[in-house]
């Protein structure tokens, strides 16, 4: 015995499937993610940090030039800056996290107030692929503090993008800087 549904049944199945795809993608559209700070960071207790504070410069690339033609063509990239507390004992305090564009102009400030990152905790700050405000020379400045004997956090960026069938991904590490921007 063969199972037959006819053209009306096939049309109904296609409509239900297509409608489900449409409603599913429409209903669960979320706001762009900019960080996990709200989920993973706690308000910093007053007087918890004893170091003078360290500022880390992290290069990020929200776009890259492709050298595949005579005219300047870019590929947009998503970037995630990860701050990882490498200490298994001490929390660290993130005083501020700032995103700058290629000209050195501040684009975004990720923290409203200092926040504590627990031992072995991590937090991410995200630049969406569609956010090309930073340009190819974008960067973050991150100021952190902690007890005098705390291990330095690992701060790095991961960039990812796609051009045609080719995927582009790479990382960059933060570097301590001695000069501080104006507060």
N, C-alpha and C. Protein backbone atom coordinates (compact mmCIF):
# COMPACT_ATOMS: atom_id res chain seq x y z
N UNK A 1 0.84 -1.16 0.00
CA UNK A 1 0.00 0.00 0.00
C UNK A 1 0.90 1.24 0.00
N UNK A 2 0.65 2.17 -0.92
CA UNK A 2 1.43 3.39 -1.05
C UNK A 2 0.70 4.54 -0.39
N UNK A 3 1.50 5.41 0.18
CA UNK A 3 0.96 6.57 0.86
C UNK A 3 0.97 7.75 -0.10
N UNK A 4 -0.16 8.40 -0.32
CA UNK A 4 -0.25 9.52 -1.25
C UNK A 4 -0.94 10.69 -0.55
N UNK A 5 -0.38 11.91 -0.78
CA UNK A 5 -0.97 13.07 -0.12
C UNK A 5 -1.60 14.05 -1.10
N UNK A 6 -1.31 13.94 -2.37
CA UNK A 6 -1.91 14.83 -3.36
C UNK A 6 -1.28 16.21 -3.32
N UNK A 7 -1.68 17.02 -4.30
CA UNK A 7 -1.06 18.35 -4.40
C UNK A 7 -1.53 19.27 -3.29
N UNK A 8 -2.75 19.11 -2.81
CA UNK A 8 -3.24 19.97 -1.72
C UNK A 8 -2.46 19.71 -0.43
N UNK A 9 -2.19 18.46 -0.14
CA UNK A 9 -1.42 18.11 1.05
C UNK A 9 0.01 18.61 0.96
N UNK A 10 0.62 18.51 -0.23
CA UNK A 10 1.99 18.99 -0.44
C UNK A 10 2.03 20.51 -0.29
N UNK A 11 1.06 21.22 -0.84
CA UNK A 11 1.00 22.67 -0.72
C UNK A 11 0.85 23.07 0.75
N UNK A 12 0.00 22.39 1.49
CA UNK A 12 -0.18 22.68 2.91
C UNK A 12 1.11 22.45 3.68
N UNK A 13 1.81 21.37 3.40
CA UNK A 13 3.08 21.07 4.08
C UNK A 13 4.12 22.15 3.80
N UNK A 14 4.22 22.60 2.54
CA UNK A 14 5.18 23.65 2.18
C UNK A 14 4.82 24.96 2.87
N UNK A 15 3.54 25.32 2.88
CA UNK A 15 3.12 26.55 3.55
C UNK A 15 3.41 26.50 5.05
N UNK A 16 3.12 25.38 5.69
CA UNK A 16 3.38 25.25 7.12
C UNK A 16 4.88 25.33 7.42
N UNK A 17 5.69 24.66 6.61
CA UNK A 17 7.13 24.68 6.80
C UNK A 17 7.69 26.09 6.60
N UNK A 18 7.30 26.74 5.51
CA UNK A 18 7.76 28.11 5.24
C UNK A 18 7.30 29.09 6.30
N UNK A 19 6.04 28.97 6.72
CA UNK A 19 5.52 29.84 7.78
C UNK A 19 6.27 29.64 9.09
N UNK A 20 6.58 28.39 9.40
CA UNK A 20 7.35 28.11 10.62
C UNK A 20 8.73 28.71 10.57
N UNK A 21 9.39 28.62 9.43
CA UNK A 21 10.71 29.24 9.29
C UNK A 21 10.63 30.75 9.45
N UNK A 22 9.66 31.37 8.81
CA UNK A 22 9.50 32.82 8.88
C UNK A 22 9.21 33.26 10.31
N UNK A 23 8.21 32.64 10.94
CA UNK A 23 7.85 33.04 12.30
C UNK A 23 8.96 32.74 13.30
N UNK A 24 9.66 31.65 13.12
CA UNK A 24 10.75 31.30 14.02
C UNK A 24 11.89 32.30 13.94
N UNK A 25 12.26 32.71 12.75
CA UNK A 25 13.35 33.68 12.63
C UNK A 25 12.90 35.07 13.05
N UNK A 26 11.66 35.42 12.85
CA UNK A 26 11.15 36.73 13.23
C UNK A 26 10.98 36.84 14.75
N UNK A 27 10.44 35.81 15.34
CA UNK A 27 10.10 35.85 16.76
C UNK A 27 11.33 35.89 17.65
N UNK A 28 12.41 35.22 17.28
CA UNK A 28 13.57 35.11 18.14
C UNK A 28 14.71 36.03 17.73
N UNK A 29 14.41 37.11 17.06
CA UNK A 29 15.42 38.09 16.71
C UNK A 29 15.80 38.85 17.97
N UNK A 30 17.06 38.77 18.34
CA UNK A 30 17.52 39.40 19.57
C UNK A 30 18.30 40.67 19.25
N UNK A 31 18.44 41.49 20.27
CA UNK A 31 19.28 42.68 20.14
C UNK A 31 20.73 42.22 19.95
N UNK A 32 21.54 43.00 19.26
CA UNK A 32 22.95 42.62 19.09
C UNK A 32 23.65 42.52 20.44
N UNK A 33 24.51 41.55 20.56
CA UNK A 33 25.28 41.37 21.78
C UNK A 33 26.47 42.32 21.75
N UNK A 34 26.67 43.05 22.83
CA UNK A 34 27.83 43.94 22.94
C UNK A 34 28.78 43.50 24.04
N UNK A 35 28.32 42.69 24.98
CA UNK A 35 29.22 42.16 26.01
C UNK A 35 28.48 41.18 26.90
N UNK A 36 29.27 40.45 27.67
CA UNK A 36 28.70 39.58 28.69
C UNK A 36 28.90 40.21 30.06
N UNK A 37 29.28 41.49 30.09
CA UNK A 37 29.58 42.16 31.36
C UNK A 37 28.40 42.13 32.32
N UNK A 38 27.20 42.35 31.84
CA UNK A 38 26.03 42.36 32.71
C UNK A 38 25.78 41.02 33.38
N UNK A 39 26.18 39.93 32.72
CA UNK A 39 25.97 38.59 33.26
C UNK A 39 27.09 38.15 34.20
N UNK A 40 28.32 38.58 33.93
CA UNK A 40 29.47 38.01 34.64
C UNK A 40 30.18 38.94 35.60
N UNK A 41 29.92 40.23 35.52
CA UNK A 41 30.62 41.17 36.39
C UNK A 41 29.73 41.62 37.54
N UNK A 42 30.34 41.84 38.68
CA UNK A 42 29.64 42.33 39.86
C UNK A 42 30.17 43.72 40.18
N UNK A 43 29.40 44.56 40.87
CA UNK A 43 29.94 45.86 41.28
C UNK A 43 31.21 45.66 42.11
N UNK A 44 32.21 46.48 41.87
CA UNK A 44 33.48 46.36 42.58
C UNK A 44 33.33 46.93 43.99
N UNK A 45 33.80 46.19 44.99
CA UNK A 45 33.76 46.73 46.35
C UNK A 45 34.73 47.90 46.48
N UNK A 46 34.38 48.89 47.25
CA UNK A 46 35.22 50.08 47.43
C UNK A 46 36.54 49.69 48.09
N UNK A 47 37.63 50.23 47.57
CA UNK A 47 38.95 50.01 48.15
C UNK A 47 39.49 48.61 47.98
N UNK A 48 38.97 47.83 47.02
CA UNK A 48 39.41 46.45 46.85
C UNK A 48 40.73 46.34 46.10
N UNK A 49 41.06 47.30 45.26
CA UNK A 49 42.28 47.24 44.48
C UNK A 49 43.41 47.95 45.20
N UNK A 50 44.60 47.35 45.15
CA UNK A 50 45.75 47.96 45.81
C UNK A 50 46.85 48.35 44.83
N UNK A 51 46.75 47.97 43.56
CA UNK A 51 47.74 48.37 42.57
C UNK A 51 47.35 49.74 42.03
N UNK A 52 48.28 50.37 41.33
CA UNK A 52 48.02 51.67 40.73
C UNK A 52 47.13 51.57 39.50
N UNK A 53 46.95 50.41 39.00
CA UNK A 53 46.15 50.21 37.80
C UNK A 53 47.02 50.02 36.58
N UNK A 54 46.59 49.17 35.70
CA UNK A 54 47.32 48.87 34.48
C UNK A 54 46.39 49.09 33.31
N UNK A 55 46.92 49.74 32.27
CA UNK A 55 46.13 49.97 31.06
C UNK A 55 46.66 49.06 29.96
N UNK A 56 45.75 48.35 29.31
CA UNK A 56 46.11 47.41 28.26
C UNK A 56 45.49 47.89 26.94
N UNK A 57 46.33 47.96 25.92
CA UNK A 57 45.90 48.30 24.55
C UNK A 57 45.66 47.00 23.80
N UNK A 58 44.48 46.86 23.18
CA UNK A 58 44.14 45.66 22.43
C UNK A 58 43.74 46.05 21.00
N UNK A 59 44.55 45.69 19.99
CA UNK A 59 44.14 46.00 18.62
C UNK A 59 43.01 45.09 18.18
N UNK A 60 41.99 45.68 17.57
CA UNK A 60 40.90 44.91 16.97
C UNK A 60 40.68 45.44 15.56
N UNK A 61 40.14 44.62 14.73
CA UNK A 61 39.92 44.98 13.34
C UNK A 61 38.45 44.73 13.03
N UNK A 62 37.68 45.80 12.83
CA UNK A 62 36.28 45.60 12.47
C UNK A 62 36.12 45.48 10.96
N UNK A 63 37.21 45.76 10.23
CA UNK A 63 37.24 45.53 8.78
C UNK A 63 38.70 45.38 8.35
N UNK A 64 38.90 44.70 7.24
CA UNK A 64 40.23 44.51 6.67
C UNK A 64 40.19 44.82 5.18
N UNK A 65 41.27 45.39 4.68
CA UNK A 65 41.38 45.61 3.24
C UNK A 65 41.78 44.32 2.56
N UNK A 66 41.13 44.03 1.46
CA UNK A 66 41.48 42.86 0.65
C UNK A 66 42.34 43.34 -0.50
N UNK A 67 43.47 42.72 -0.72
CA UNK A 67 44.36 43.12 -1.80
C UNK A 67 44.12 42.32 -3.06
N UNK A 68 42.86 42.12 -3.39
CA UNK A 68 42.54 41.25 -4.52
C UNK A 68 42.21 42.02 -5.79
N UNK A 69 42.16 43.36 -5.73
CA UNK A 69 41.86 44.14 -6.92
C UNK A 69 42.56 45.48 -6.80
N UNK A 70 42.42 46.30 -7.83
CA UNK A 70 43.08 47.60 -7.82
C UNK A 70 42.34 48.63 -6.97
N UNK A 71 41.07 48.42 -6.70
CA UNK A 71 40.34 49.36 -5.85
C UNK A 71 40.26 48.80 -4.43
N UNK A 72 40.19 49.70 -3.48
CA UNK A 72 40.15 49.29 -2.07
C UNK A 72 38.83 48.60 -1.76
N UNK A 73 38.90 47.35 -1.36
CA UNK A 73 37.72 46.59 -0.99
C UNK A 73 37.97 46.06 0.42
N UNK A 74 36.93 46.10 1.26
CA UNK A 74 37.09 45.63 2.63
C UNK A 74 36.14 44.48 2.92
N UNK A 75 36.49 43.71 3.93
CA UNK A 75 35.62 42.67 4.45
C UNK A 75 35.34 43.03 5.89
N UNK A 76 34.07 43.00 6.28
CA UNK A 76 33.68 43.33 7.65
C UNK A 76 33.93 42.13 8.56
N UNK A 77 34.39 42.42 9.77
CA UNK A 77 34.73 41.38 10.73
C UNK A 77 33.97 41.59 12.04
N UNK A 78 33.65 40.50 12.69
CA UNK A 78 33.15 40.55 14.06
C UNK A 78 34.38 40.41 14.96
N UNK A 79 34.37 41.10 16.08
CA UNK A 79 35.50 41.02 17.01
C UNK A 79 34.98 40.78 18.42
N UNK A 80 35.66 39.91 19.15
CA UNK A 80 35.35 39.66 20.55
C UNK A 80 36.62 39.88 21.35
N UNK A 81 36.56 40.81 22.30
CA UNK A 81 37.68 41.03 23.21
C UNK A 81 37.36 40.29 24.49
N UNK A 82 38.27 39.41 24.88
CA UNK A 82 38.08 38.58 26.06
C UNK A 82 39.07 39.01 27.14
N UNK A 83 38.55 39.24 28.35
CA UNK A 83 39.38 39.53 29.51
C UNK A 83 39.25 38.33 30.43
N UNK A 84 40.37 37.67 30.72
CA UNK A 84 40.37 36.45 31.54
C UNK A 84 41.23 36.67 32.77
N UNK A 85 40.61 36.53 33.93
CA UNK A 85 41.33 36.64 35.18
C UNK A 85 42.10 35.33 35.37
N UNK A 86 43.42 35.38 35.30
CA UNK A 86 44.24 34.17 35.41
C UNK A 86 44.53 33.79 36.86
N UNK A 87 44.16 34.64 37.80
CA UNK A 87 44.38 34.32 39.21
C UNK A 87 43.30 33.36 39.70
N UNK A 88 43.73 32.31 40.40
CA UNK A 88 42.77 31.38 40.98
C UNK A 88 42.36 31.79 42.39
N UNK A 89 42.93 32.90 42.88
CA UNK A 89 42.68 33.33 44.25
C UNK A 89 42.02 34.71 44.33
N UNK A 90 42.53 35.66 43.53
CA UNK A 90 42.11 37.05 43.68
C UNK A 90 41.19 37.52 42.55
N UNK A 91 40.15 38.28 42.88
CA UNK A 91 39.39 38.95 41.82
C UNK A 91 40.19 40.15 41.32
N UNK A 92 39.86 40.62 40.13
CA UNK A 92 40.44 41.86 39.63
C UNK A 92 39.29 42.83 39.39
N UNK A 93 39.60 44.11 39.31
CA UNK A 93 38.60 45.14 39.07
C UNK A 93 38.85 45.77 37.71
N UNK A 94 37.84 45.75 36.86
CA UNK A 94 37.92 46.46 35.58
C UNK A 94 37.40 47.87 35.84
N UNK A 95 38.29 48.85 35.74
CA UNK A 95 37.90 50.24 35.99
C UNK A 95 37.11 50.80 34.81
N UNK A 96 37.60 50.55 33.59
CA UNK A 96 36.87 50.94 32.38
C UNK A 96 37.33 50.12 31.19
N UNK A 97 36.43 50.04 30.20
CA UNK A 97 36.69 49.34 28.94
C UNK A 97 36.17 50.26 27.85
N UNK A 98 37.09 50.76 27.00
CA UNK A 98 36.72 51.75 25.97
C UNK A 98 37.13 51.28 24.59
N UNK A 99 36.26 51.56 23.63
CA UNK A 99 36.47 51.18 22.24
C UNK A 99 36.73 52.44 21.43
N UNK A 100 37.81 52.42 20.62
CA UNK A 100 38.22 53.57 19.82
C UNK A 100 38.26 53.20 18.34
N UNK A 101 38.05 54.21 17.47
CA UNK A 101 38.11 53.96 16.03
C UNK A 101 39.53 54.19 15.50
N UNK A 102 39.69 54.10 14.19
CA UNK A 102 41.00 54.23 13.55
C UNK A 102 41.64 55.59 13.73
N UNK A 103 40.84 56.61 14.02
CA UNK A 103 41.39 57.95 14.21
C UNK A 103 41.68 58.25 15.68
N UNK A 104 41.39 57.31 16.57
CA UNK A 104 41.62 57.51 18.00
C UNK A 104 40.44 58.12 18.73
N UNK A 105 39.31 58.25 18.05
CA UNK A 105 38.10 58.80 18.67
C UNK A 105 37.36 57.69 19.41
N UNK A 106 36.94 57.96 20.64
CA UNK A 106 36.21 56.96 21.41
C UNK A 106 34.84 56.73 20.80
N UNK A 107 34.52 55.45 20.56
CA UNK A 107 33.26 55.05 19.96
C UNK A 107 32.26 54.61 21.03
N UNK A 108 32.76 53.85 22.01
CA UNK A 108 31.85 53.26 23.01
C UNK A 108 32.59 53.04 24.32
N UNK A 109 31.87 53.20 25.42
CA UNK A 109 32.37 52.86 26.75
C UNK A 109 31.53 51.70 27.25
N UNK A 110 32.15 50.58 27.56
CA UNK A 110 31.42 49.36 27.90
C UNK A 110 31.01 49.25 29.36
N UNK A 111 31.63 50.00 30.25
CA UNK A 111 31.29 49.91 31.67
C UNK A 111 30.82 51.26 32.19
N UNK A 112 29.73 51.25 32.97
CA UNK A 112 29.24 52.47 33.59
C UNK A 112 30.01 52.79 34.86
N UNK A 113 30.50 51.74 35.53
CA UNK A 113 31.24 51.90 36.79
C UNK A 113 32.19 50.72 36.94
N UNK A 114 33.19 50.82 37.80
CA UNK A 114 34.12 49.70 38.00
C UNK A 114 33.39 48.42 38.35
N UNK A 115 33.94 47.30 37.86
CA UNK A 115 33.29 46.00 38.07
C UNK A 115 34.34 44.94 38.39
N UNK A 116 33.95 44.00 39.25
CA UNK A 116 34.85 42.93 39.69
C UNK A 116 34.70 41.70 38.80
N UNK A 117 35.84 41.14 38.42
CA UNK A 117 35.89 39.89 37.68
C UNK A 117 36.44 38.83 38.64
N UNK A 118 35.65 37.79 38.95
CA UNK A 118 36.06 36.81 39.97
C UNK A 118 37.28 36.00 39.53
N UNK A 119 37.92 35.31 40.49
CA UNK A 119 39.05 34.44 40.14
C UNK A 119 38.66 33.45 39.05
N UNK A 120 39.53 33.33 38.06
CA UNK A 120 39.35 32.46 36.89
C UNK A 120 38.12 32.80 36.06
N UNK A 121 37.53 33.97 36.29
CA UNK A 121 36.37 34.41 35.51
C UNK A 121 36.81 35.06 34.21
N UNK A 122 35.88 35.16 33.29
CA UNK A 122 36.16 35.84 32.02
C UNK A 122 34.94 36.65 31.62
N UNK A 123 35.19 37.66 30.79
CA UNK A 123 34.12 38.51 30.28
C UNK A 123 34.48 38.88 28.85
N UNK A 124 33.47 39.04 28.00
CA UNK A 124 33.68 39.36 26.59
C UNK A 124 33.02 40.68 26.24
N UNK A 125 33.67 41.40 25.34
CA UNK A 125 33.15 42.64 24.78
C UNK A 125 33.14 42.46 23.27
N UNK A 126 31.96 42.65 22.65
CA UNK A 126 31.73 42.23 21.27
C UNK A 126 31.51 43.43 20.34
N UNK A 127 32.13 43.34 19.18
CA UNK A 127 31.86 44.26 18.07
C UNK A 127 31.18 43.41 17.00
N UNK A 128 29.93 43.72 16.70
CA UNK A 128 29.19 42.97 15.70
C UNK A 128 29.81 43.16 14.32
N UNK A 129 29.65 42.18 13.47
CA UNK A 129 30.17 42.25 12.10
C UNK A 129 29.59 43.43 11.34
N UNK A 130 28.36 43.78 11.63
CA UNK A 130 27.70 44.89 10.94
C UNK A 130 28.13 46.25 11.49
N UNK A 131 28.88 46.28 12.58
CA UNK A 131 29.35 47.53 13.22
C UNK A 131 30.75 47.85 12.72
N UNK A 132 30.84 48.64 11.66
CA UNK A 132 32.13 49.00 11.08
C UNK A 132 32.62 50.35 11.56
N UNK A 133 32.07 50.87 12.65
CA UNK A 133 32.43 52.21 13.14
C UNK A 133 33.90 52.33 13.50
N UNK A 134 34.52 51.25 13.95
CA UNK A 134 35.92 51.30 14.36
C UNK A 134 36.90 51.35 13.21
N UNK A 135 36.56 50.68 12.12
CA UNK A 135 37.45 50.64 10.97
C UNK A 135 38.60 49.68 11.17
N UNK A 136 39.52 49.65 10.20
CA UNK A 136 40.61 48.68 10.25
C UNK A 136 41.61 48.92 11.38
N UNK A 137 41.67 50.11 11.93
CA UNK A 137 42.62 50.41 13.00
C UNK A 137 41.99 50.57 14.36
N UNK A 138 40.85 49.93 14.59
CA UNK A 138 40.14 50.06 15.86
C UNK A 138 40.95 49.44 16.99
N UNK A 139 40.64 49.86 18.22
CA UNK A 139 41.33 49.30 19.37
C UNK A 139 40.52 49.50 20.64
N UNK A 140 40.88 48.77 21.66
CA UNK A 140 40.31 48.89 23.00
C UNK A 140 41.41 49.35 23.94
N UNK A 141 41.02 50.13 24.93
CA UNK A 141 41.86 50.40 26.09
C UNK A 141 41.09 49.89 27.29
N UNK A 142 41.77 49.09 28.10
CA UNK A 142 41.14 48.48 29.27
C UNK A 142 42.01 48.77 30.49
N UNK A 143 41.41 49.34 31.53
CA UNK A 143 42.15 49.61 32.77
C UNK A 143 41.66 48.64 33.84
N UNK A 144 42.61 47.91 34.43
CA UNK A 144 42.26 46.95 35.47
C UNK A 144 43.15 47.19 36.69
N UNK A 145 42.66 46.75 37.85
CA UNK A 145 43.39 46.84 39.11
C UNK A 145 43.19 45.57 39.89
N UNK A 146 44.07 45.34 40.84
CA UNK A 146 43.95 44.16 41.70
C UNK A 146 44.95 44.24 42.83
N UNK A 147 44.96 43.22 43.69
CA UNK A 147 45.95 43.18 44.78
C UNK A 147 47.37 43.18 44.22
N UNK A 148 48.33 43.59 45.04
CA UNK A 148 49.72 43.72 44.60
C UNK A 148 50.28 42.42 44.04
N UNK A 149 49.87 41.29 44.55
CA UNK A 149 50.45 40.02 44.12
C UNK A 149 49.56 39.25 43.13
N UNK A 150 48.61 39.91 42.50
CA UNK A 150 47.70 39.23 41.58
C UNK A 150 48.39 38.93 40.24
N UNK A 151 48.03 37.81 39.64
CA UNK A 151 48.51 37.49 38.29
C UNK A 151 47.84 38.43 37.30
N UNK A 152 48.58 38.82 36.25
CA UNK A 152 48.00 39.69 35.22
C UNK A 152 46.94 38.92 34.43
N UNK A 153 45.86 39.59 34.08
CA UNK A 153 44.84 38.91 33.26
C UNK A 153 45.35 38.70 31.84
N UNK A 154 44.75 37.76 31.15
CA UNK A 154 45.02 37.54 29.73
C UNK A 154 43.94 38.31 28.98
N UNK A 155 44.37 39.23 28.14
CA UNK A 155 43.42 40.05 27.38
C UNK A 155 43.77 39.90 25.90
N UNK A 156 42.82 39.39 25.13
CA UNK A 156 43.07 39.19 23.70
C UNK A 156 41.78 39.39 22.92
N UNK A 157 41.95 39.56 21.61
CA UNK A 157 40.81 39.74 20.71
C UNK A 157 40.81 38.63 19.67
N UNK A 158 39.61 38.19 19.31
CA UNK A 158 39.42 37.21 18.25
C UNK A 158 38.55 37.87 17.19
N UNK A 159 39.03 37.88 15.96
CA UNK A 159 38.28 38.47 14.85
C UNK A 159 37.87 37.37 13.88
N UNK A 160 36.67 37.53 13.29
CA UNK A 160 36.17 36.54 12.34
C UNK A 160 35.33 37.25 11.28
N UNK A 161 35.50 36.82 10.04
CA UNK A 161 34.70 37.37 8.95
C UNK A 161 34.67 36.40 7.79
N UNK A 162 33.96 36.80 6.75
CA UNK A 162 33.82 35.94 5.58
C UNK A 162 33.77 36.81 4.33
N UNK A 163 34.48 36.36 3.31
CA UNK A 163 34.45 37.01 2.01
C UNK A 163 34.25 35.92 0.96
N UNK A 164 33.06 35.88 0.39
CA UNK A 164 32.74 34.80 -0.55
C UNK A 164 32.73 33.48 0.20
N UNK A 165 33.51 32.53 -0.29
CA UNK A 165 33.60 31.22 0.36
C UNK A 165 34.76 31.14 1.36
N UNK A 166 35.54 32.21 1.46
CA UNK A 166 36.72 32.18 2.33
C UNK A 166 36.40 32.78 3.70
N UNK A 167 36.78 32.09 4.73
CA UNK A 167 36.64 32.59 6.09
C UNK A 167 37.95 33.21 6.55
N UNK A 168 37.86 34.26 7.33
CA UNK A 168 39.03 34.95 7.86
C UNK A 168 38.90 34.94 9.38
N UNK A 169 39.93 34.47 10.08
CA UNK A 169 39.92 34.53 11.53
C UNK A 169 41.35 34.65 12.04
N UNK A 170 41.52 35.42 13.09
CA UNK A 170 42.84 35.60 13.69
C UNK A 170 42.66 36.22 15.07
N UNK A 171 43.74 36.25 15.83
CA UNK A 171 43.71 36.81 17.18
C UNK A 171 44.76 37.89 17.32
N UNK A 172 44.59 38.73 18.34
CA UNK A 172 45.62 39.70 18.71
C UNK A 172 45.64 39.80 20.23
N UNK A 173 46.80 40.00 20.78
CA UNK A 173 46.97 40.07 22.23
C UNK A 173 47.08 41.51 22.69
N UNK A 174 46.59 41.74 23.90
CA UNK A 174 46.72 43.05 24.51
C UNK A 174 48.14 43.32 24.96
N UNK A 175 48.48 44.60 25.04
CA UNK A 175 49.82 45.01 25.45
C UNK A 175 49.70 46.13 26.47
N UNK A 176 50.45 46.03 27.55
CA UNK A 176 50.43 47.07 28.58
C UNK A 176 51.02 48.35 28.02
N UNK A 177 50.35 49.47 28.29
CA UNK A 177 50.85 50.78 27.88
C UNK A 177 51.10 51.63 29.12
N UNK A 178 52.04 52.54 29.00
CA UNK A 178 52.41 53.38 30.14
C UNK A 178 51.63 54.68 30.20
N UNK A 179 51.17 55.16 29.06
CA UNK A 179 50.45 56.44 29.04
C UNK A 179 48.96 56.20 29.21
N UNK A 180 48.36 57.06 29.99
CA UNK A 180 46.92 56.94 30.24
C UNK A 180 46.17 58.04 29.51
N UNK A 181 44.99 57.72 28.96
CA UNK A 181 44.18 58.77 28.34
C UNK A 181 43.60 59.68 29.41
N UNK A 182 43.17 60.85 28.98
CA UNK A 182 42.51 61.76 29.92
C UNK A 182 41.24 61.13 30.43
N UNK A 183 40.98 61.28 31.68
CA UNK A 183 39.78 60.69 32.30
C UNK A 183 38.55 61.45 31.93
